[in-house]
Amino acid sequence: MIGIPEKAKTFVNNRWLVFVASMWVQSCSGIGYMYGSISPVIKSTMGYNQRQIAVLGVAKDIGDAIGFVAGSLSEVVPIWVVLFIGVAQNFFGYGLVWLTVNHTLPPLPLWVLCVCIFVGTNGETYFNTGALVSGVQNFPKSRGPVVGILKGFAGLSGAILTQVYLMFNFPDEASIIFVVAVGPTIVITSVMFLIRPVGGHKQARQSDDTSFLALYGVCLILAAYLLAVLILQDLVDLNQTVLTALALGLVTLVLLPVVIPVTLVFFSPRSEEEEHLLNAEKQEVIDHGKTEVILSEVEDETPSEIDSLPAEEREKRISHLQARLVQAAADGAVKVKKKKGPRRGEDFTLTQALVKADFLLMFFSLVLASGSGLTVIDNLGQMCQSLGYENPHIFVSMISIWNFLGRVAGGYFSELVVRKYAYPRPVAMAAVQVVMSCSLLYYAVSAPGAIYIVSVVMGSCYGAHWAIVPSAASELFGLKSFGALYNFLTLASPAGSLIFSGVIASGIYDYEAKIQSATNLNTLTDGEALTCYGTICYSITCGILSVLCLMACVLSMIVVYRTKRVYAKLYGSS
């Protein structure tokens, strides 16, 4: 009979508890998603114009994109140190913004506020890195679901923090900045010592699939609940009691997954069958490691037809070939070629990955497709206004919910691809990019209901990328430098959006607005912004983005072709 102290120790070291704690970190880490809510407050209290608010937005985007330091630190320091640095940056960055906006401090220059917002938002990269690195290390055989769920909760964090702000009924609007500064600080400081690698591969259970299904169920319920709350708040003027009750219900759903580790540790003793399964998996890992050594030594000399042989026969043939090569090398008849650097599936540093074609193909595919998705998301408000919708925030809320569901679904279905068919995970990315291309083309031809289709499809497909790509990167380039690899890949979205939104979309919008203004003989006063109406404002842009998504699909399929053998070795026997 195991005592309570032993149970408590097992509970603290349970990988599912670490995973749930990482979900809580992610549920309040999407600080960048809150900018749309805090920028009007800064604009009204500081007397800024739209251009100055845009400059602050650029500082936010840069802070959200630069994660090299967080990725590098995750390789040399404990995860809690990475999280603590993020907490400090978030607290001091947005804390200074709050003190400035509520006039506790004298008005700071614009450049100082830019630095504060950059530092505060950059803390998000530390939260993401800590949660994802511990997640993929503790669940090396379930990377897709883990990354999808964690990134999904990050996508919902803006809506969650907003509901918490409404629950407390603060006396002024500037308090939402206070929530951004203090909320993540309290939550992440409370759980940061739990988030760490705990040898998760040794804790495999037959019930793991059931646990993931339970988490998927919670995610679906959470998304449906949040969507219902947003629609209710939009249609009905709710009193404070109802708002508080709705927010408490949301917090309860976020906390609910802790039932999984509690049940596994305290109410579900491991059966003998599961012990045998665990021992078998350990032996499989050992045997797999031995086989990989043999394969890595003779990979270049292995005939391609050997791959199609049964596992036992294939191992005999490879061992025989290796023995012949060793003997020939000893006799001086042949020189065995030693390949420099790691091979795909082994641990790469960021520098080593940057010279690999597969990594660069994935990055540029992400620039084209994810950059297109972010362009639509950033311009969704203006797209709705150009079509005559007076309240575009309902579409913004919709795209956030579908972004969450896309991340969860992307991790789930890409995992099915690699587990069931041992096929490269990037094929799921290619499929998503085809769907994106079709939805953008649907808008480009001015089809009915296009704004609804684009909101749903682009939100979900953009989210799916951030479940699929990190998982694929960890499989092809290892876990040792996963933090640095992931944070480099996150540069793809803002890099693509900078060109597609800042040059293409805005340029076409202004061009069409000028034509409409000239046609209607309207004279603009000083400072008056150009306004475009109709589907023409963004139809050409969507047509261009549709082509770019198809190009991204081609790059993804090249990665699929190049990595078939790698995935066959990784998952062929699973």
Protein backbone atom coordinates (compact mmCIF):
# COMPACT_ATOMS: atom_id res chain seq x y z
CA MET A 1 0.00 0.00 0.00
CA ILE A 2 1.51 3.32 -1.08
CA GLY A 3 1.28 6.08 1.53
CA ILE A 4 0.06 9.64 1.06
CA PRO A 5 3.60 11.17 0.95
CA GLU A 6 4.60 8.80 -1.85
CA LYS A 7 1.38 9.54 -3.70
CA ALA A 8 1.98 13.28 -3.34
CA LYS A 9 5.52 12.93 -4.68
CA THR A 10 4.23 10.89 -7.61
CA PHE A 11 1.55 13.52 -8.24
CA VAL A 12 4.05 16.40 -8.33
CA ASN A 13 6.23 14.44 -10.78
CA ASN A 14 3.36 13.28 -12.98
CA ARG A 15 3.71 14.41 -16.58
CA TRP A 16 -0.02 15.07 -16.87
CA LEU A 17 0.14 17.55 -13.99
CA VAL A 18 3.04 19.29 -15.77
CA PHE A 19 0.99 19.36 -18.97
CA VAL A 20 -2.09 20.80 -17.22
CA ALA A 21 0.07 23.44 -15.50
CA SER A 22 1.50 24.34 -18.94
CA MET A 23 -2.07 24.74 -20.21
CA TRP A 24 -2.74 27.22 -17.39
CA VAL A 25 0.40 29.14 -18.33
CA GLN A 26 -0.72 29.30 -21.95
CA SER A 27 -4.25 30.35 -20.98
CA CYS A 28 -2.91 33.71 -19.79
CA SER A 29 0.19 34.07 -21.99
CA GLY A 30 -1.33 35.47 -25.19
CA ILE A 31 -0.54 39.04 -24.20
CA GLY A 32 -0.26 40.19 -27.79
CA TYR A 33 -3.90 39.25 -28.41
CA MET A 34 -4.95 41.88 -25.84
CA TYR A 35 -3.51 44.82 -27.78
CA GLY A 36 -6.80 45.41 -29.57
CA SER A 37 -8.40 45.98 -26.16
CA ILE A 38 -5.70 48.13 -24.55
CA SER A 39 -4.79 50.32 -27.54
CA PRO A 40 -8.05 52.38 -27.41
CA VAL A 41 -7.40 53.03 -23.71
CA ILE A 42 -3.86 54.23 -24.42
CA LYS A 43 -5.10 56.34 -27.34
CA SER A 44 -7.80 58.15 -25.34
CA THR A 45 -5.85 58.72 -22.12
CA MET A 46 -2.55 59.71 -23.75
CA GLY A 47 -4.09 61.71 -26.60
CA TYR A 48 -2.30 59.70 -29.29
CA ASN A 49 -3.30 59.62 -32.96
CA GLN A 50 -3.71 56.46 -35.02
CA ARG A 51 -0.17 56.62 -36.38
CA GLN A 52 1.30 56.67 -32.87
CA ILE A 53 -0.91 53.73 -31.86
CA ALA A 54 0.35 51.89 -34.96
CA VAL A 55 3.94 52.50 -33.82
CA LEU A 56 3.11 50.94 -30.45
CA GLY A 57 1.56 48.03 -32.35
CA VAL A 58 4.79 47.51 -34.27
CA ALA A 59 6.70 47.43 -30.96
CA LYS A 60 4.23 44.80 -29.73
CA ASP A 61 4.66 42.66 -32.87
CA ILE A 62 8.47 42.81 -32.68
CA GLY A 63 8.42 41.84 -29.00
CA ASP A 64 6.12 38.94 -29.78
CA ALA A 65 8.34 37.68 -32.59
CA ILE A 66 11.85 37.84 -31.09
CA GLY A 67 12.27 34.71 -29.02
CA PHE A 68 15.90 33.77 -29.65
CA VAL A 69 16.95 34.55 -26.10
CA ALA A 70 14.15 32.44 -24.61
CA GLY A 71 14.95 29.55 -26.95
CA SER A 72 18.66 29.65 -26.18
CA LEU A 73 18.13 29.92 -22.43
CA SER A 74 15.83 26.89 -22.41
CA GLU A 75 18.83 24.75 -23.39
CA VAL A 76 21.02 25.79 -20.45
CA VAL A 77 18.77 26.78 -17.52
CA PRO A 78 15.77 25.15 -15.79
CA ILE A 79 12.34 25.88 -17.26
CA TRP A 80 11.27 27.83 -14.17
CA VAL A 81 14.06 30.35 -14.79
CA VAL A 82 12.78 30.88 -18.35
CA LEU A 83 9.24 31.40 -17.05
CA PHE A 84 10.40 33.74 -14.27
CA ILE A 85 12.22 35.99 -16.75
CA GLY A 86 9.04 36.16 -18.80
CA VAL A 87 7.00 37.04 -15.70
CA ALA A 88 9.44 39.82 -14.77
CA GLN A 89 9.36 41.29 -18.29
CA ASN A 90 5.58 41.16 -18.49
CA PHE A 91 5.06 42.65 -15.03
CA PHE A 92 7.50 45.54 -15.36
CA GLY A 93 6.73 46.28 -19.02
CA TYR A 94 2.94 46.47 -18.79
CA GLY A 95 3.11 47.65 -15.17
CA LEU A 96 4.88 50.82 -16.30
CA VAL A 97 2.35 51.27 -19.10
CA TRP A 98 -0.49 51.00 -16.56
CA LEU A 99 1.14 53.46 -14.15
CA THR A 100 1.57 55.90 -17.03
CA VAL A 101 -1.94 55.56 -18.39
CA ASN A 102 -3.62 56.04 -14.98
CA HIS A 103 -1.37 59.11 -14.40
CA THR A 104 0.46 57.68 -11.38
CA LEU A 105 3.64 58.45 -13.31
CA PRO A 106 4.14 61.57 -15.41
CA PRO A 107 3.50 61.07 -19.15
CA LEU A 108 6.34 59.10 -20.73
CA PRO A 109 7.62 59.77 -24.26
CA LEU A 110 6.28 57.55 -27.04
CA TRP A 111 9.59 55.76 -27.46
CA VAL A 112 9.65 54.82 -23.77
CA LEU A 113 6.15 53.32 -24.03
CA CYS A 114 7.31 51.43 -27.14
CA VAL A 115 10.16 49.94 -25.10
CA CYS A 116 7.76 49.02 -22.27
CA ILE A 117 5.31 47.30 -24.61
CA PHE A 118 8.17 45.53 -26.42
CA VAL A 119 9.60 44.23 -23.12
CA GLY A 120 6.20 43.25 -21.74
CA THR A 121 5.05 41.42 -24.87
CA ASN A 122 8.42 39.73 -25.26
CA GLY A 123 7.67 37.95 -21.98
CA GLU A 124 5.15 35.91 -23.95
CA THR A 125 7.98 34.21 -25.85
CA TYR A 126 9.36 32.89 -22.55
CA PHE A 127 5.94 31.54 -21.54
CA ASN A 128 5.48 29.77 -24.89
CA THR A 129 9.01 28.37 -24.87
CA GLY A 130 8.78 26.99 -21.33
CA ALA A 131 5.40 25.38 -21.87
CA LEU A 132 6.17 23.84 -25.27
CA VAL A 133 9.67 22.59 -24.45
CA SER A 134 8.48 20.76 -21.34
CA GLY A 135 5.43 19.46 -23.22
CA VAL A 136 7.25 17.83 -26.13
CA GLN A 137 9.95 16.43 -23.84
CA ASN A 138 7.40 14.83 -21.52
CA PHE A 139 5.23 13.52 -24.37
CA PRO A 140 7.74 12.59 -27.10
CA LYS A 141 5.26 10.20 -28.73
CA SER A 142 2.31 12.60 -28.68
CA ARG A 143 3.84 15.83 -29.92
CA GLY A 144 0.97 16.80 -32.19
CA PRO A 145 -1.80 16.76 -29.56
CA VAL A 146 0.44 18.39 -26.94
CA VAL A 147 1.53 21.28 -29.16
CA GLY A 148 -1.99 21.72 -30.56
CA ILE A 149 -3.64 21.95 -27.14
CA LEU A 150 -0.98 24.27 -25.68
CA LYS A 151 -1.03 26.63 -28.65
CA GLY A 152 -4.81 26.50 -28.64
CA PHE A 153 -4.99 27.76 -25.07
CA ALA A 154 -2.55 30.55 -25.97
CA GLY A 155 -4.96 31.60 -28.72
CA LEU A 156 -7.85 31.76 -26.24
CA SER A 157 -5.92 33.68 -23.59
CA GLY A 158 -7.04 37.10 -24.81
CA ALA A 159 -10.70 36.18 -24.44
CA ILE A 160 -10.04 34.56 -21.03
CA LEU A 161 -8.24 37.64 -19.65
CA THR A 162 -11.03 39.86 -20.97
CA GLN A 163 -13.67 37.84 -19.10
CA VAL A 164 -11.59 38.00 -15.91
CA TYR A 165 -11.40 41.79 -16.31
CA LEU A 166 -15.18 41.99 -16.66
CA MET A 167 -15.67 39.77 -13.60
CA PHE A 168 -13.87 42.17 -11.24
CA ASN A 169 -15.80 45.26 -12.45
CA PHE A 170 -12.86 47.63 -12.25
CA PRO A 171 -13.74 51.34 -11.94
CA ASP A 172 -11.88 52.47 -15.07
CA GLU A 173 -10.93 51.12 -18.50
CA ALA A 174 -7.21 51.48 -17.80
CA SER A 175 -7.50 48.58 -15.35
CA ILE A 176 -7.47 46.15 -18.27
CA ILE A 177 -3.75 46.96 -18.59
CA PHE A 178 -3.44 46.14 -14.89
CA VAL A 179 -5.01 42.73 -15.56
CA VAL A 180 -2.51 42.12 -18.39
CA ALA A 181 0.39 42.99 -16.06
CA VAL A 182 -0.75 41.18 -12.90
CA GLY A 183 -2.88 38.26 -14.14
CA PRO A 184 -0.13 36.25 -15.89
CA THR A 185 2.29 37.15 -13.07
CA ILE A 186 0.08 35.54 -10.40
CA VAL A 187 -0.82 32.43 -12.42
CA ILE A 188 2.61 31.62 -13.83
CA THR A 189 4.50 32.33 -10.60
CA SER A 190 2.14 29.88 -8.86
CA VAL A 191 2.90 26.96 -11.20
CA MET A 192 6.33 27.65 -12.70
CA PHE A 193 8.16 25.17 -10.46
CA LEU A 194 5.86 22.38 -11.65
CA ILE A 195 6.74 22.88 -15.32
CA ARG A 196 9.83 20.84 -16.14
CA PRO A 197 10.87 17.61 -17.85
CA VAL A 198 9.91 14.69 -15.60
CA GLY A 199 10.95 11.71 -17.71
CA GLY A 200 7.57 11.53 -19.35
CA HIS A 201 8.53 8.67 -21.70
CA LYS A 202 8.76 6.43 -18.63
CA GLN A 203 5.18 7.24 -17.58
CA ALA A 204 3.37 5.79 -20.61
CA ARG A 205 -0.02 4.24 -19.88
CA GLN A 206 -2.70 2.54 -21.91
CA SER A 207 -5.07 5.22 -20.63
CA ASP A 208 -3.11 8.05 -22.30
CA ASP A 209 -5.35 8.03 -25.37
CA THR A 210 -8.41 8.30 -23.12
CA SER A 211 -6.82 11.20 -21.25
CA PHE A 212 -6.16 13.06 -24.50
CA LEU A 213 -9.75 12.45 -25.63
CA ALA A 214 -10.95 13.90 -22.32
CA LEU A 215 -8.80 16.98 -22.91
CA TYR A 216 -10.19 17.35 -26.42
CA GLY A 217 -13.68 17.20 -24.95
CA VAL A 218 -12.82 19.98 -22.48
CA CYS A 219 -11.40 22.05 -25.34
CA LEU A 220 -14.59 21.71 -27.39
CA ILE A 221 -16.78 22.56 -24.41
CA LEU A 222 -14.57 25.55 -23.59
CA ALA A 223 -14.73 26.87 -27.16
CA ALA A 224 -18.52 26.44 -27.33
CA TYR A 225 -18.98 28.07 -23.92
CA LEU A 226 -16.79 31.04 -24.78
CA LEU A 227 -18.51 31.56 -28.13
CA ALA A 228 -21.91 31.48 -26.40
CA VAL A 229 -20.70 34.00 -23.81
CA LEU A 230 -19.40 36.37 -26.48
CA ILE A 231 -22.63 36.19 -28.47
CA LEU A 232 -24.70 36.69 -25.30
CA GLN A 233 -22.66 39.73 -24.29
CA ASP A 234 -23.09 41.14 -27.78
CA LEU A 235 -26.86 40.71 -27.88
CA VAL A 236 -27.88 41.36 -24.27
CA ASP A 237 -26.93 44.03 -21.73
CA LEU A 238 -25.83 41.78 -18.83
CA ASN A 239 -25.61 42.91 -15.21
CA GLN A 240 -22.48 42.43 -13.09
CA THR A 241 -23.80 39.34 -11.30
CA VAL A 242 -24.32 37.48 -14.57
CA LEU A 243 -20.91 38.60 -15.88
CA THR A 244 -19.24 37.31 -12.72
CA ALA A 245 -21.08 33.98 -12.95
CA LEU A 246 -20.10 33.54 -16.60
CA ALA A 247 -16.45 34.33 -15.85
CA LEU A 248 -16.40 31.87 -12.93
CA GLY A 249 -17.82 29.20 -15.23
CA LEU A 250 -15.02 29.91 -17.71
CA VAL A 251 -12.34 29.70 -15.02
CA THR A 252 -13.85 26.41 -13.82
CA LEU A 253 -13.55 24.93 -17.32
CA VAL A 254 -9.92 26.06 -17.53
CA LEU A 255 -9.15 24.40 -14.18
CA LEU A 256 -11.11 21.22 -14.97
CA PRO A 257 -8.27 19.26 -16.69
CA VAL A 258 -6.48 18.88 -13.33
CA VAL A 259 -8.94 16.04 -12.71
CA ILE A 260 -6.86 13.90 -15.11
CA PRO A 261 -3.60 13.75 -13.07
CA VAL A 262 -5.57 13.55 -9.81
CA THR A 263 -7.48 10.53 -11.11
CA LEU A 264 -4.40 8.83 -12.57
CA VAL A 265 -2.34 9.16 -9.39
CA PHE A 266 -4.87 8.79 -6.56
CA PHE A 267 -7.71 6.73 -8.02
CA SER A 268 -6.23 4.63 -10.83
CA PRO A 269 -3.44 2.27 -9.70
CA ARG A 270 -1.34 0.96 -12.56
CA SER A 271 -2.28 -2.57 -13.56
CA GLU A 272 0.15 -5.39 -14.26
CA GLU A 273 -0.78 -5.19 -17.92
CA GLU A 274 0.28 -1.54 -18.03
CA GLU A 275 3.54 -2.38 -16.27
CA HIS A 276 4.29 -4.97 -18.97
CA LEU A 277 3.40 -2.40 -21.64
CA LEU A 278 5.72 0.15 -20.10
CA ASN A 279 8.61 -2.30 -19.88
CA ALA A 280 8.04 -3.31 -23.48
CA GLU A 281 8.13 0.32 -24.58
CA LYS A 282 11.36 0.91 -22.67
CA GLN A 283 12.93 -2.12 -24.37
CA GLU A 284 11.64 -0.86 -27.72
CA VAL A 285 13.35 2.49 -27.15
CA ILE A 286 16.62 0.75 -26.31
CA ASP A 287 16.41 -1.55 -29.35
CA HIS A 288 15.38 1.36 -31.56
CA GLY A 289 18.42 3.32 -30.41
CA LYS A 290 20.71 0.42 -31.31
CA THR A 291 19.15 0.09 -34.73
CA GLU A 292 19.48 3.82 -35.34
CA VAL A 293 23.21 3.65 -34.70
CA ILE A 294 23.55 0.95 -37.34
CA LEU A 295 21.39 2.85 -39.80
CA SER A 296 23.27 6.09 -39.32
CA GLU A 297 26.56 4.38 -40.07
CA VAL A 298 25.50 2.77 -43.32
CA GLU A 299 22.60 4.95 -44.46
CA ASP A 300 24.35 6.21 -47.57
CA GLU A 301 25.35 2.69 -48.56
CA THR A 302 21.95 1.08 -47.88
CA PRO A 303 20.05 0.09 -51.05
CA SER A 304 16.58 1.64 -51.18
CA GLU A 305 14.88 -1.75 -51.62
CA ILE A 306 15.96 -2.79 -48.11
CA ASP A 307 13.45 -0.33 -46.67
CA SER A 308 10.57 -2.41 -48.03
CA LEU A 309 11.68 -5.65 -46.31
CA PRO A 310 10.09 -6.95 -43.09
CA ALA A 311 11.68 -5.53 -39.94
CA GLU A 312 13.53 -8.72 -38.92
CA GLU A 313 14.89 -9.42 -42.40
CA ARG A 314 15.77 -5.75 -42.86
CA GLU A 315 17.82 -5.73 -39.64
CA LYS A 316 19.71 -8.87 -40.72
CA ARG A 317 20.50 -7.38 -44.12
CA ILE A 318 21.72 -4.12 -42.61
CA SER A 319 23.86 -5.94 -40.03
CA HIS A 320 25.38 -8.07 -42.80
CA LEU A 321 26.07 -4.99 -44.89
CA GLN A 322 27.66 -3.24 -41.94
CA ALA A 323 29.94 -6.22 -41.25
CA ARG A 324 31.07 -6.27 -44.88
CA LEU A 325 31.79 -2.53 -44.80
CA VAL A 326 33.80 -2.82 -41.58
CA GLN A 327 35.85 -5.71 -43.00
CA ALA A 328 36.43 -3.88 -46.27
CA ALA A 329 37.48 -0.74 -44.43
CA ALA A 330 39.91 -2.77 -42.29
CA ASP A 331 41.45 -4.28 -45.42
CA GLY A 332 41.80 -0.84 -46.98
CA ALA A 333 39.56 -1.77 -49.89
CA VAL A 334 36.94 0.86 -49.19
CA LYS A 335 36.77 4.10 -47.27
CA VAL A 336 33.61 4.48 -45.23
CA LYS A 337 32.17 7.95 -45.69
CA LYS A 338 31.29 9.68 -42.43
CA LYS A 339 28.62 12.28 -42.82
CA LYS A 340 29.26 15.55 -41.03
CA GLY A 341 26.70 16.76 -38.53
CA PRO A 342 23.46 15.16 -37.34
CA ARG A 343 20.93 13.47 -39.60
CA ARG A 344 17.25 14.25 -39.77
CA GLY A 345 15.54 12.87 -36.68
CA GLU A 346 18.62 13.58 -34.54
CA ASP A 347 19.33 16.67 -32.43
CA PHE A 348 20.23 19.80 -34.41
CA THR A 349 21.30 23.19 -33.18
CA LEU A 350 19.67 26.20 -34.81
CA THR A 351 22.84 26.90 -36.80
CA GLN A 352 22.91 23.35 -38.13
CA ALA A 353 19.19 23.43 -39.01
CA LEU A 354 19.53 26.72 -40.92
CA VAL A 355 21.71 25.06 -43.56
CA LYS A 356 19.26 22.19 -44.09
CA ALA A 357 16.92 22.42 -47.06
CA ASP A 358 14.01 20.84 -45.16
CA PHE A 359 14.09 23.48 -42.41
CA LEU A 360 14.29 26.35 -44.89
CA LEU A 361 11.47 24.89 -47.00
CA MET A 362 9.27 24.64 -43.90
CA PHE A 363 10.14 28.20 -42.91
CA PHE A 364 9.34 29.74 -46.29
CA SER A 365 6.17 27.67 -46.59
CA LEU A 366 5.19 29.13 -43.24
CA VAL A 367 6.06 32.66 -44.41
CA LEU A 368 3.72 32.32 -47.40
CA ALA A 369 0.78 30.55 -45.74
CA SER A 370 0.92 31.75 -42.14
CA GLY A 371 1.81 35.25 -43.32
CA SER A 372 -1.31 35.19 -45.51
CA GLY A 373 -3.44 34.04 -42.59
CA LEU A 374 -2.11 36.76 -40.30
CA THR A 375 -2.74 39.35 -43.02
CA VAL A 376 -6.41 38.40 -43.14
CA ILE A 377 -6.68 38.37 -39.34
CA ASP A 378 -5.06 41.81 -39.02
CA ASN A 379 -7.31 43.30 -41.72
CA LEU A 380 -10.52 41.52 -40.76
CA GLY A 381 -12.00 44.61 -39.09
CA GLN A 382 -11.54 46.73 -42.19
CA MET A 383 -12.77 43.90 -44.41
CA CYS A 384 -16.02 43.81 -42.43
CA GLN A 385 -16.38 47.59 -42.51
CA SER A 386 -15.84 47.68 -46.26
CA LEU A 387 -18.75 45.25 -46.61
CA GLY A 388 -21.01 47.41 -44.44
CA TYR A 389 -20.84 45.59 -41.10
CA GLU A 390 -21.02 48.12 -38.27
CA ASN A 391 -19.85 45.74 -35.50
CA PRO A 392 -16.90 43.74 -36.82
CA HIS A 393 -15.84 42.58 -33.34
CA ILE A 394 -18.15 39.56 -33.58
CA PHE A 395 -16.08 38.35 -36.56
CA VAL A 396 -12.87 39.01 -34.62
CA SER A 397 -14.24 36.90 -31.76
CA MET A 398 -15.24 34.16 -34.22
CA ILE A 399 -11.79 34.02 -35.75
CA SER A 400 -10.24 33.69 -32.27
CA ILE A 401 -12.48 30.74 -31.41
CA TRP A 402 -11.76 29.01 -34.72
CA ASN A 403 -8.06 29.74 -34.29
CA PHE A 404 -8.23 27.78 -31.03
CA LEU A 405 -10.14 24.89 -32.59
CA GLY A 406 -7.76 24.84 -35.56
CA ARG A 407 -4.76 24.44 -33.28
CA VAL A 408 -6.38 21.61 -31.36
CA ALA A 409 -7.63 19.86 -34.51
CA GLY A 410 -4.32 20.38 -36.33
CA GLY A 411 -2.45 18.56 -33.60
CA TYR A 412 -5.00 15.74 -33.47
CA PHE A 413 -5.28 14.99 -37.19
CA SER A 414 -1.57 15.41 -37.94
CA GLU A 415 -0.90 12.89 -35.18
CA LEU A 416 -3.27 10.45 -36.89
CA VAL A 417 -1.30 10.86 -40.11
CA VAL A 418 2.02 9.93 -38.54
CA ARG A 419 0.70 7.27 -36.16
CA LYS A 420 -1.64 5.40 -38.46
CA TYR A 421 0.13 5.78 -41.78
CA ALA A 422 3.74 6.68 -40.79
CA TYR A 423 3.45 9.50 -43.34
CA PRO A 424 5.26 12.84 -42.97
CA ARG A 425 3.44 15.32 -40.75
CA PRO A 426 3.97 18.24 -43.20
CA VAL A 427 1.36 16.63 -45.50
CA ALA A 428 -1.24 17.93 -43.03
CA MET A 429 0.23 21.40 -43.46
CA ALA A 430 -0.06 21.07 -47.24
CA ALA A 431 -3.72 20.04 -46.95
CA VAL A 432 -4.45 23.03 -44.71
CA GLN A 433 -2.80 25.38 -47.21
CA VAL A 434 -4.98 24.08 -50.05
CA VAL A 435 -8.08 24.80 -47.95
CA MET A 436 -6.77 28.31 -47.21
CA SER A 437 -6.20 28.92 -50.91
CA CYS A 438 -9.75 27.86 -51.78
CA SER A 439 -11.35 30.08 -49.13
CA LEU A 440 -9.31 33.10 -50.25
CA LEU A 441 -10.31 32.44 -53.85
CA TYR A 442 -13.94 32.25 -52.71
CA TYR A 443 -13.64 35.78 -51.31
CA ALA A 444 -11.73 36.99 -54.36
CA VAL A 445 -14.62 36.12 -56.69
CA SER A 446 -17.07 38.00 -54.41
CA ALA A 447 -19.11 34.90 -53.58
CA PRO A 448 -22.05 35.23 -51.14
CA GLY A 449 -21.24 34.89 -47.45
CA ALA A 450 -17.51 35.06 -48.19
CA ILE A 451 -16.67 36.97 -45.00
CA TYR A 452 -18.12 34.14 -42.89
CA ILE A 453 -16.19 31.50 -44.84
CA VAL A 454 -12.95 33.47 -44.55
CA SER A 455 -13.42 34.06 -40.81
CA VAL A 456 -13.92 30.36 -40.09
CA VAL A 457 -11.41 28.87 -42.53
CA MET A 458 -8.55 31.34 -42.11
CA GLY A 459 -8.88 31.31 -38.33
CA SER A 460 -8.82 27.51 -38.09
CA CYS A 461 -6.16 26.97 -40.77
CA TYR A 462 -3.85 29.64 -39.38
CA GLY A 463 -4.16 28.00 -35.99
CA ALA A 464 -3.51 24.54 -37.42
CA HIS A 465 -0.12 25.67 -38.72
CA TRP A 466 1.03 26.36 -35.17
CA ALA A 467 0.18 22.83 -34.06
CA ILE A 468 1.69 21.06 -37.07
CA VAL A 469 4.93 22.96 -37.70
CA PRO A 470 6.46 22.86 -34.17
CA SER A 471 5.69 19.14 -33.93
CA ALA A 472 7.30 18.44 -37.31
CA ALA A 473 10.35 20.53 -36.40
CA SER A 474 10.84 18.56 -33.17
CA GLU A 475 10.63 15.27 -35.09
CA LEU A 476 13.01 16.22 -37.89
CA PHE A 477 15.50 18.32 -35.91
CA GLY A 478 15.31 16.92 -32.38
CA LEU A 479 14.34 18.18 -28.95
CA LYS A 480 17.67 19.46 -27.65
CA SER A 481 17.37 22.90 -29.30
CA PHE A 482 13.62 22.85 -29.81
CA GLY A 483 13.17 26.19 -28.04
CA ALA A 484 15.53 27.98 -30.44
CA LEU A 485 14.09 26.22 -33.51
CA TYR A 486 10.51 27.05 -32.51
CA ASN A 487 11.24 30.71 -31.83
CA PHE A 488 12.98 31.08 -35.19
CA LEU A 489 9.95 29.59 -36.96
CA THR A 490 7.66 32.10 -35.21
CA LEU A 491 9.38 34.85 -37.19
CA ALA A 492 7.66 33.55 -40.33
CA SER A 493 4.20 35.00 -39.62
CA PRO A 494 5.25 38.62 -38.95
CA ALA A 495 7.78 38.46 -41.79
CA GLY A 496 5.06 37.43 -44.24
CA SER A 497 2.49 39.84 -42.80
CA LEU A 498 4.95 42.73 -43.02
CA ILE A 499 5.02 42.34 -46.81
CA PHE A 500 1.53 41.02 -47.52
CA SER A 501 -0.33 43.39 -45.18
CA GLY A 502 2.00 46.37 -45.00
CA VAL A 503 2.65 46.54 -48.76
CA ILE A 504 0.15 44.49 -50.80
CA ALA A 505 -3.12 44.73 -48.83
CA SER A 506 -2.73 48.35 -47.69
CA GLY A 507 -1.47 49.47 -51.10
CA ILE A 508 -4.42 47.95 -52.98
CA TYR A 509 -6.89 49.25 -50.37
CA ASP A 510 -5.62 52.84 -50.68
CA TYR A 511 -5.56 52.59 -54.49
CA GLU A 512 -9.19 51.45 -54.64
CA ALA A 513 -10.21 54.05 -52.04
CA LYS A 514 -8.65 56.83 -54.15
CA ILE A 515 -10.50 55.63 -57.24
CA GLN A 516 -13.79 55.63 -55.32
CA SER A 517 -13.08 59.06 -53.86
CA ALA A 518 -12.30 60.50 -57.30
CA THR A 519 -15.37 58.86 -58.84
CA ASN A 520 -17.65 60.26 -56.13
CA LEU A 521 -15.93 63.69 -56.31
CA ASN A 522 -15.22 63.60 -52.58
CA THR A 523 -12.65 66.04 -51.22
CA LEU A 524 -10.64 64.79 -48.26
CA THR A 525 -9.88 67.19 -45.44
CA ASP A 526 -6.50 67.22 -43.73
CA GLY A 527 -6.04 64.13 -41.58
CA GLU A 528 -9.09 62.37 -43.00
CA ALA A 529 -8.38 58.73 -43.83
CA LEU A 530 -9.20 57.11 -47.15
CA THR A 531 -12.11 54.68 -46.92
CA CYS A 532 -12.91 51.92 -49.38
CA TYR A 533 -16.29 50.17 -49.76
CA GLY A 534 -17.23 46.88 -51.40
CA THR A 535 -15.57 43.53 -52.02
CA ILE A 536 -13.11 45.12 -54.45
CA CYS A 537 -11.18 46.55 -51.47
CA TYR A 538 -9.73 43.14 -50.61
CA SER A 539 -10.71 40.81 -53.46
CA ILE A 540 -7.48 41.37 -55.39
CA THR A 541 -5.45 40.93 -52.21
CA CYS A 542 -7.24 37.66 -51.45
CA GLY A 543 -6.60 36.46 -54.99
CA ILE A 544 -2.87 37.11 -54.56
CA LEU A 545 -2.84 35.42 -51.15
CA SER A 546 -4.64 32.43 -52.64
CA VAL A 547 -1.78 31.93 -55.11
CA LEU A 548 0.79 32.35 -52.33
CA CYS A 549 -0.92 29.61 -50.30
CA LEU A 550 -0.71 27.26 -53.28
CA MET A 551 3.01 28.03 -53.56
CA ALA A 552 3.33 27.22 -49.85
CA CYS A 553 1.58 23.90 -50.49
CA VAL A 554 4.15 23.04 -53.15
CA LEU A 555 7.00 23.74 -50.71
CA SER A 556 5.31 21.60 -48.04
CA MET A 557 4.91 18.69 -50.45
CA ILE A 558 8.62 18.90 -51.29
CA VAL A 559 9.33 18.47 -47.58
CA VAL A 560 6.91 15.51 -47.53
CA TYR A 561 8.75 13.85 -50.41
CA ARG A 562 12.17 14.43 -48.83
CA THR A 563 11.20 13.12 -45.37
CA LYS A 564 9.23 9.96 -46.20
CA ARG A 565 12.06 7.65 -45.16
CA VAL A 566 12.65 9.60 -41.93
CA TYR A 567 9.03 9.25 -40.83
CA ALA A 568 8.95 5.61 -41.90
CA LYS A 569 11.86 4.97 -39.50
CA LEU A 570 10.33 7.06 -36.71
CA TYR A 571 6.79 5.67 -36.87
CA GLY A 572 6.90 2.62 -39.13
CA SER A 573 6.74 0.15 -36.24
CA SER A 574 4.24 2.10 -34.13
